[in-house]
Amino acid sequence: MASSTPSSKQKQDSELLFKGVICALIGLVILIGPHFARSADMGEILRQAYLPGWFALVLGCAFLIRYGLIRWRDRARR
């Protein structure tokens, strides 16, 4: 297994953070969207998409937890 340079590790960590935030935001928008939809049709579409909304939210939270664990582990090594 090839060792990572510090800059590539930082890039991977920041990408993990970015993915986590984006996935969590998409999930939240899908889940709370029906309450703010102005059109009844759009509200119904968003209500039917609750499973992908929950999946995106859970996946985003998992990415964020992973990012936090990586940061915590790196801080503990110092």
PDB file of N, CA and C in Angstrom:
ATOM      1  N   MET A   1       0.850  -1.176   0.000  1.00  0.00           N
ATOM      2  CA  MET A   1       0.000   0.000   0.000  1.00  0.00           C
ATOM      3  C   MET A   1       0.892   1.234   0.000  1.00  0.00           C
ATOM      4  N   ALA A   2       0.656   2.135  -0.930  1.00  0.00           N
ATOM      5  CA  ALA A   2       1.486   3.330  -1.066  1.00  0.00           C
ATOM      6  C   ALA A   2       1.147   4.327   0.027  1.00  0.00           C
ATOM      7  N   SER A   3       2.188   4.973   0.541  1.00  0.00           N
ATOM      8  CA  SER A   3       1.941   5.977   1.578  1.00  0.00           C
ATOM      9  C   SER A   3       1.509   7.279   0.932  1.00  0.00           C
ATOM     10  N   SER A   4       0.649   7.998   1.610  1.00  0.00           N
ATOM     11  CA  SER A   4       0.136   9.268   1.101  1.00  0.00           C
ATOM     12  C   SER A   4       1.011  10.408   1.585  1.00  0.00           C
ATOM     13  N   THR A   5       1.176  11.389   0.737  1.00  0.00           N
ATOM     14  CA  THR A   5       1.867  12.593   1.170  1.00  0.00           C
ATOM     15  C   THR A   5       0.903  13.408   2.008  1.00  0.00           C
ATOM     16  N   PRO A   6       1.405  14.278   2.874  1.00  0.00           N
ATOM     17  CA  PRO A   6       0.498  15.065   3.722  1.00  0.00           C
ATOM     18  C   PRO A   6      -0.507  15.891   2.928  1.00  0.00           C
ATOM     19  N   SER A   7      -0.096  16.439   1.790  1.00  0.00           N
ATOM     20  CA  SER A   7      -1.023  17.277   1.034  1.00  0.00           C
ATOM     21  C   SER A   7      -2.136  16.440   0.404  1.00  0.00           C
ATOM     22  N   SER A   8      -1.827  15.226  -0.051  1.00  0.00           N
ATOM     23  CA  SER A   8      -2.883  14.392  -0.631  1.00  0.00           C
ATOM     24  C   SER A   8      -3.823  13.897   0.466  1.00  0.00           C
ATOM     25  N   LYS A   9      -3.295  13.659   1.678  1.00  0.00           N
ATOM     26  CA  LYS A   9      -4.157  13.266   2.791  1.00  0.00           C
ATOM     27  C   LYS A   9      -5.089  14.403   3.175  1.00  0.00           C
ATOM     28  N   GLN A  10      -4.571  15.614   3.197  1.00  0.00           N
ATOM     29  CA  GLN A  10      -5.417  16.763   3.505  1.00  0.00           C
ATOM     30  C   GLN A  10      -6.491  16.930   2.436  1.00  0.00           C
ATOM     31  N   LYS A  11      -6.133  16.683   1.181  1.00  0.00           N
ATOM     32  CA  LYS A  11      -7.105  16.796   0.098  1.00  0.00           C
ATOM     33  C   LYS A  11      -8.193  15.734   0.250  1.00  0.00           C
ATOM     34  N   GLN A  12      -7.801  14.506   0.578  1.00  0.00           N
ATOM     35  CA  GLN A  12      -8.778  13.446   0.793  1.00  0.00           C
ATOM     36  C   GLN A  12      -9.704  13.774   1.957  1.00  0.00           C
ATOM     37  N   ASP A  13      -9.136  14.308   3.031  1.00  0.00           N
ATOM     38  CA  ASP A  13      -9.952  14.670   4.192  1.00  0.00           C
ATOM     39  C   ASP A  13     -10.938  15.781   3.857  1.00  0.00           C
ATOM     40  N   SER A  14     -10.475  16.787   3.117  1.00  0.00           N
ATOM     41  CA  SER A  14     -11.381  17.882   2.769  1.00  0.00           C
ATOM     42  C   SER A  14     -12.455  17.412   1.791  1.00  0.00           C
ATOM     43  N   GLU A  15     -12.120  16.467   0.909  1.00  0.00           N
ATOM     44  CA  GLU A  15     -13.137  15.910   0.010  1.00  0.00           C
ATOM     45  C   GLU A  15     -14.179  15.114   0.787  1.00  0.00           C
ATOM     46  N   LEU A  16     -13.739  14.391   1.818  1.00  0.00           N
ATOM     47  CA  LEU A  16     -14.665  13.641   2.661  1.00  0.00           C
ATOM     48  C   LEU A  16     -15.611  14.594   3.387  1.00  0.00           C
ATOM     49  N   LEU A  17     -15.078  15.689   3.896  1.00  0.00           N
ATOM     50  CA  LEU A  17     -15.906  16.696   4.548  1.00  0.00           C
ATOM     51  C   LEU A  17     -16.903  17.293   3.565  1.00  0.00           C
ATOM     52  N   PHE A  18     -16.441  17.617   2.369  1.00  0.00           N
ATOM     53  CA  PHE A  18     -17.308  18.202   1.345  1.00  0.00           C
ATOM     54  C   PHE A  18     -18.439  17.234   0.982  1.00  0.00           C
ATOM     55  N   LYS A  19     -18.099  15.970   0.753  1.00  0.00           N
ATOM     56  CA  LYS A  19     -19.121  14.973   0.416  1.00  0.00           C
ATOM     57  C   LYS A  19     -20.144  14.840   1.540  1.00  0.00           C
ATOM     58  N   GLY A  20     -19.664  14.835   2.776  1.00  0.00           N
ATOM     59  CA  GLY A  20     -20.568  14.705   3.911  1.00  0.00           C
ATOM     60  C   GLY A  20     -21.546  15.858   4.015  1.00  0.00           C
ATOM     61  N   VAL A  21     -21.028  17.068   3.860  1.00  0.00           N
ATOM     62  CA  VAL A  21     -21.892  18.247   3.958  1.00  0.00           C
ATOM     63  C   VAL A  21     -22.908  18.263   2.817  1.00  0.00           C
ATOM     64  N   ILE A  22     -22.455  17.991   1.598  1.00  0.00           N
ATOM     65  CA  ILE A  22     -23.363  18.023   0.442  1.00  0.00           C
ATOM     66  C   ILE A  22     -24.439  16.948   0.568  1.00  0.00           C
ATOM     67  N   CYS A  23     -24.060  15.723   0.913  1.00  0.00           N
ATOM     68  CA  CYS A  23     -25.053  14.643   1.053  1.00  0.00           C
ATOM     69  C   CYS A  23     -26.063  14.960   2.149  1.00  0.00           C
ATOM     70  N   ALA A  24     -25.578  15.452   3.272  1.00  0.00           N
ATOM     71  CA  ALA A  24     -26.487  15.778   4.371  1.00  0.00           C
ATOM     72  C   ALA A  24     -27.440  16.904   3.980  1.00  0.00           C
ATOM     73  N   LEU A  25     -26.938  17.912   3.281  1.00  0.00           N
ATOM     74  CA  LEU A  25     -27.809  19.004   2.847  1.00  0.00           C
ATOM     75  C   LEU A  25     -28.851  18.532   1.841  1.00  0.00           C
ATOM     76  N   ILE A  26     -28.447  17.683   0.904  1.00  0.00           N
ATOM     77  CA  ILE A  26     -29.409  17.154  -0.061  1.00  0.00           C
ATOM     78  C   ILE A  26     -30.495  16.368   0.659  1.00  0.00           C
ATOM     79  N   GLY A  27     -30.093  15.528   1.603  1.00  0.00           N
ATOM     80  CA  GLY A  27     -31.073  14.761   2.367  1.00  0.00           C
ATOM     81  C   GLY A  27     -32.031  15.650   3.140  1.00  0.00           C
ATOM     82  N   LEU A  28     -31.501  16.693   3.783  1.00  0.00           N
ATOM     83  CA  LEU A  28     -32.365  17.618   4.524  1.00  0.00           C
ATOM     84  C   LEU A  28     -33.338  18.349   3.609  1.00  0.00           C
ATOM     85  N   VAL A  29     -32.844  18.782   2.464  1.00  0.00           N
ATOM     86  CA  VAL A  29     -33.721  19.498   1.520  1.00  0.00           C
ATOM     87  C   VAL A  29     -34.854  18.591   1.052  1.00  0.00           C
ATOM     88  N   ILE A  30     -34.537  17.346   0.763  1.00  0.00           N
ATOM     89  CA  ILE A  30     -35.577  16.415   0.313  1.00  0.00           C
ATOM     90  C   ILE A  30     -36.581  16.137   1.424  1.00  0.00           C
ATOM     91  N   LEU A  31     -36.083  16.003   2.657  1.00  0.00           N
ATOM     92  CA  LEU A  31     -36.990  15.659   3.758  1.00  0.00           C
ATOM     93  C   LEU A  31     -37.848  16.826   4.229  1.00  0.00           C
ATOM     94  N   ILE A  32     -37.310  18.039   4.236  1.00  0.00           N
ATOM     95  CA  ILE A  32     -38.128  19.168   4.700  1.00  0.00           C
ATOM     96  C   ILE A  32     -38.768  19.929   3.546  1.00  0.00           C
ATOM     97  N   GLY A  33     -38.422  19.573   2.329  1.00  0.00           N
ATOM     98  CA  GLY A  33     -38.962  20.246   1.152  1.00  0.00           C
ATOM     99  C   GLY A  33     -40.471  20.253   1.051  1.00  0.00           C
ATOM    100  N   PRO A  34     -41.157  19.131   1.341  1.00  0.00           N
ATOM    101  CA  PRO A  34     -42.620  19.145   1.212  1.00  0.00           C
ATOM    102  C   PRO A  34     -43.309  20.190   2.088  1.00  0.00           C
ATOM    103  N   HIS A  35     -42.695  20.560   3.192  1.00  0.00           N
ATOM    104  CA  HIS A  35     -43.309  21.543   4.083  1.00  0.00           C
ATOM    105  C   HIS A  35     -43.218  22.958   3.526  1.00  0.00           C
ATOM    106  N   PHE A  36     -42.275  23.190   2.617  1.00  0.00           N
ATOM    107  CA  PHE A  36     -42.066  24.528   2.074  1.00  0.00           C
ATOM    108  C   PHE A  36     -42.396  24.635   0.597  1.00  0.00           C
ATOM    109  N   ALA A  37     -42.826  23.535  -0.027  1.00  0.00           N
ATOM    110  CA  ALA A  37     -43.132  23.554  -1.461  1.00  0.00           C
ATOM    111  C   ALA A  37     -44.370  24.404  -1.710  1.00  0.00           C
ATOM    112  N   ARG A  38     -44.271  25.287  -2.675  1.00  0.00           N
ATOM    113  CA  ARG A  38     -45.409  26.166  -2.991  1.00  0.00           C
ATOM    114  C   ARG A  38     -46.422  25.458  -3.876  1.00  0.00           C
ATOM    115  N   SER A  39     -45.953  24.532  -4.676  1.00  0.00           N
ATOM    116  CA  SER A  39     -46.843  23.799  -5.568  1.00  0.00           C
ATOM    117  C   SER A  39     -47.196  22.449  -4.939  1.00  0.00           C
ATOM    118  N   ALA A  40     -48.432  22.063  -5.059  1.00  0.00           N
ATOM    119  CA  ALA A  40     -48.872  20.776  -4.507  1.00  0.00           C
ATOM    120  C   ALA A  40     -48.179  19.621  -5.221  1.00  0.00           C
ATOM    121  N   ASP A  41     -47.959  19.770  -6.525  1.00  0.00           N
ATOM    122  CA  ASP A  41     -47.286  18.703  -7.278  1.00  0.00           C
ATOM    123  C   ASP A  41     -45.839  18.524  -6.811  1.00  0.00           C
ATOM    124  N   MET A  42     -45.147  19.617  -6.600  1.00  0.00           N
ATOM    125  CA  MET A  42     -43.758  19.518  -6.137  1.00  0.00           C
ATOM    126  C   MET A  42     -43.710  18.940  -4.726  1.00  0.00           C
ATOM    127  N   GLY A  43     -44.631  19.312  -3.884  1.00  0.00           N
ATOM    128  CA  GLY A  43     -44.691  18.744  -2.540  1.00  0.00           C
ATOM    129  C   GLY A  43     -44.916  17.244  -2.578  1.00  0.00           C
ATOM    130  N   GLU A  44     -45.768  16.800  -3.486  1.00  0.00           N
ATOM    131  CA  GLU A  44     -46.033  15.370  -3.616  1.00  0.00           C
ATOM    132  C   GLU A  44     -44.803  14.618  -4.133  1.00  0.00           C
ATOM    133  N   ILE A  45     -44.095  15.205  -5.080  1.00  0.00           N
ATOM    134  CA  ILE A  45     -42.865  14.585  -5.591  1.00  0.00           C
ATOM    135  C   ILE A  45     -41.848  14.435  -4.457  1.00  0.00           C
ATOM    136  N   LEU A  46     -41.681  15.481  -3.671  1.00  0.00           N
ATOM    137  CA  LEU A  46     -40.723  15.420  -2.567  1.00  0.00           C
ATOM    138  C   LEU A  46     -41.163  14.438  -1.480  1.00  0.00           C
ATOM    139  N   ARG A  47     -42.484  14.333  -1.255  1.00  0.00           N
ATOM    140  CA  ARG A  47     -42.973  13.360  -0.259  1.00  0.00           C
ATOM    141  C   ARG A  47     -42.683  11.927  -0.711  1.00  0.00           C
ATOM    142  N   GLN A  48     -42.755  11.683  -2.008  1.00  0.00           N
ATOM    143  CA  GLN A  48     -42.494  10.345  -2.521  1.00  0.00           C
ATOM    144  C   GLN A  48     -41.006  10.002  -2.514  1.00  0.00           C
ATOM    145  N   ALA A  49     -40.153  11.004  -2.365  1.00  0.00           N
ATOM    146  CA  ALA A  49     -38.698  10.789  -2.384  1.00  0.00           C
ATOM    147  C   ALA A  49     -38.112  10.741  -0.980  1.00  0.00           C
ATOM    148  N   TYR A  50     -38.903  10.356   0.010  1.00  0.00           N
ATOM    149  CA  TYR A  50     -38.393  10.367   1.379  1.00  0.00           C
ATOM    150  C   TYR A  50     -37.304   9.313   1.604  1.00  0.00           C
ATOM    151  N   LEU A  51     -37.378   8.146   0.941  1.00  0.00           N
ATOM    152  CA  LEU A  51     -36.342   7.129   1.135  1.00  0.00           C
ATOM    153  C   LEU A  51     -34.971   7.597   0.638  1.00  0.00           C
ATOM    154  N   PRO A  52     -34.870   8.136  -0.583  1.00  0.00           N
ATOM    155  CA  PRO A  52     -33.559   8.677  -0.980  1.00  0.00           C
ATOM    156  C   PRO A  52     -33.121   9.841  -0.096  1.00  0.00           C
ATOM    157  N   GLY A  53     -34.069  10.606   0.425  1.00  0.00           N
ATOM    158  CA  GLY A  53     -33.728  11.695   1.333  1.00  0.00           C
ATOM    159  C   GLY A  53     -33.093  11.185   2.613  1.00  0.00           C
ATOM    160  N   TRP A  54     -33.679  10.152   3.194  1.00  0.00           N
ATOM    161  CA  TRP A  54     -33.102   9.561   4.406  1.00  0.00           C
ATOM    162  C   TRP A  54     -31.751   8.927   4.105  1.00  0.00           C
ATOM    163  N   PHE A  55     -31.648   8.266   2.944  1.00  0.00           N
ATOM    164  CA  PHE A  55     -30.372   7.649   2.573  1.00  0.00           C
ATOM    165  C   PHE A  55     -29.276   8.703   2.447  1.00  0.00           C
ATOM    166  N   ALA A  56     -29.580   9.805   1.769  1.00  0.00           N
ATOM    167  CA  ALA A  56     -28.587  10.870   1.599  1.00  0.00           C
ATOM    168  C   ALA A  56     -28.205  11.478   2.950  1.00  0.00           C
ATOM    169  N   LEU A  57     -29.176  11.664   3.816  1.00  0.00           N
ATOM    170  CA  LEU A  57     -28.894  12.231   5.132  1.00  0.00           C
ATOM    171  C   LEU A  57     -28.002  11.297   5.964  1.00  0.00           C
ATOM    172  N   VAL A  58     -28.332  10.021   5.979  1.00  0.00           N
ATOM    173  CA  VAL A  58     -27.536   9.058   6.750  1.00  0.00           C
ATOM    174  C   VAL A  58     -26.141   8.916   6.157  1.00  0.00           C
ATOM    175  N   LEU A  59     -26.041   8.871   4.832  1.00  0.00           N
ATOM    176  CA  LEU A  59     -24.737   8.769   4.183  1.00  0.00           C
ATOM    177  C   LEU A  59     -23.887  10.006   4.477  1.00  0.00           C
ATOM    178  N   GLY A  60     -24.496  11.172   4.398  1.00  0.00           N
ATOM    179  CA  GLY A  60     -23.773  12.403   4.712  1.00  0.00           C
ATOM    180  C   GLY A  60     -23.297  12.422   6.151  1.00  0.00           C
ATOM    181  N   CYS A  61     -24.143  11.989   7.071  1.00  0.00           N
ATOM    182  CA  CYS A  61     -23.737  11.933   8.481  1.00  0.00           C
ATOM    183  C   CYS A  61     -22.613  10.920   8.687  1.00  0.00           C
ATOM    184  N   ALA A  62     -22.656   9.807   7.963  1.00  0.00           N
ATOM    185  CA  ALA A  62     -21.584   8.811   8.076  1.00  0.00           C
ATOM    186  C   ALA A  62     -20.261   9.396   7.582  1.00  0.00           C
ATOM    187  N   PHE A  63     -20.299  10.137   6.471  1.00  0.00           N
ATOM    188  CA  PHE A  63     -19.085  10.793   5.976  1.00  0.00           C
ATOM    189  C   PHE A  63     -18.562  11.789   7.005  1.00  0.00           C
ATOM    190  N   LEU A  64     -19.453  12.556   7.614  1.00  0.00           N
ATOM    191  CA  LEU A  64     -19.031  13.549   8.598  1.00  0.00           C
ATOM    192  C   LEU A  64     -18.457  12.890   9.851  1.00  0.00           C
ATOM    193  N   ILE A  65     -19.048  11.790  10.276  1.00  0.00           N
ATOM    194  CA  ILE A  65     -18.516  11.063  11.428  1.00  0.00           C
ATOM    195  C   ILE A  65     -17.140  10.495  11.094  1.00  0.00           C
ATOM    196  N   ARG A  66     -16.998   9.957   9.904  1.00  0.00           N
ATOM    197  CA  ARG A  66     -15.695   9.429   9.478  1.00  0.00           C
ATOM    198  C   ARG A  66     -14.648  10.541   9.468  1.00  0.00           C
ATOM    199  N   TYR A  67     -15.022  11.704   8.940  1.00  0.00           N
ATOM    200  CA  TYR A  67     -14.114  12.846   8.923  1.00  0.00           C
ATOM    201  C   TYR A  67     -13.714  13.234  10.355  1.00  0.00           C
ATOM    202  N   GLY A  68     -14.682  13.278  11.247  1.00  0.00           N
ATOM    203  CA  GLY A  68     -14.399  13.618  12.634  1.00  0.00           C
ATOM    204  C   GLY A  68     -13.483  12.612  13.309  1.00  0.00           C
ATOM    205  N   LEU A  69     -13.687  11.332  13.026  1.00  0.00           N
ATOM    206  CA  LEU A  69     -12.832  10.303  13.608  1.00  0.00           C
ATOM    207  C   LEU A  69     -11.401  10.411  13.081  1.00  0.00           C
ATOM    208  N   ILE A  70     -11.250  10.717  11.812  1.00  0.00           N
ATOM    209  CA  ILE A  70      -9.913  10.888  11.233  1.00  0.00           C
ATOM    210  C   ILE A  70      -9.212  12.069  11.896  1.00  0.00           C
ATOM    211  N   ARG A  71      -9.916  13.173  12.045  1.00  0.00           N
ATOM    212  CA  ARG A  71      -9.322  14.350  12.688  1.00  0.00           C
ATOM    213  C   ARG A  71      -8.969  14.061  14.143  1.00  0.00           C
ATOM    214  N   TRP A  72      -9.850  13.375  14.849  1.00  0.00           N
ATOM    215  CA  TRP A  72      -9.618  13.057  16.255  1.00  0.00           C
ATOM    216  C   TRP A  72      -8.409  12.140  16.400  1.00  0.00           C
ATOM    217  N   ARG A  73      -8.308  11.132  15.507  1.00  0.00           N
ATOM    218  CA  ARG A  73      -7.181  10.208  15.550  1.00  0.00           C
ATOM    219  C   ARG A  73      -5.868  10.931  15.236  1.00  0.00           C
ATOM    220  N   ASP A  74      -5.891  11.824  14.256  1.00  0.00           N
ATOM    221  CA  ASP A  74      -4.685  12.578  13.924  1.00  0.00           C
ATOM    222  C   ASP A  74      -4.266  13.502  15.065  1.00  0.00           C
ATOM    223  N   ARG A  75      -5.233  14.098  15.731  1.00  0.00           N
ATOM    224  CA  ARG A  75      -4.927  14.975  16.867  1.00  0.00           C
ATOM    225  C   ARG A  75      -4.365  14.170  18.035  1.00  0.00           C
ATOM    226  N   ALA A  76      -4.861  12.945  18.240  1.00  0.00           N
ATOM    227  CA  ALA A  76      -4.388  12.112  19.338  1.00  0.00           C
ATOM    228  C   ALA A  76      -2.953  11.636  19.095  1.00  0.00           C
ATOM    229  N   ARG A  77      -2.541  11.530  17.843  1.00  0.00           N
ATOM    230  CA  ARG A  77      -1.189  11.088  17.525  1.00  0.00           C
ATOM    231  C   ARG A  77      -0.141  12.159  17.823  1.00  0.00           C
ATOM    232  N   ARG A  78      -0.543  13.394  17.839  1.00  0.00           N
ATOM    233  CA  ARG A  78       0.422  14.489  18.052  1.00  0.00           C
ATOM    234  C   ARG A  78       0.878  14.589  19.452  1.00  0.00           C
TER     235      ARG A  78
END
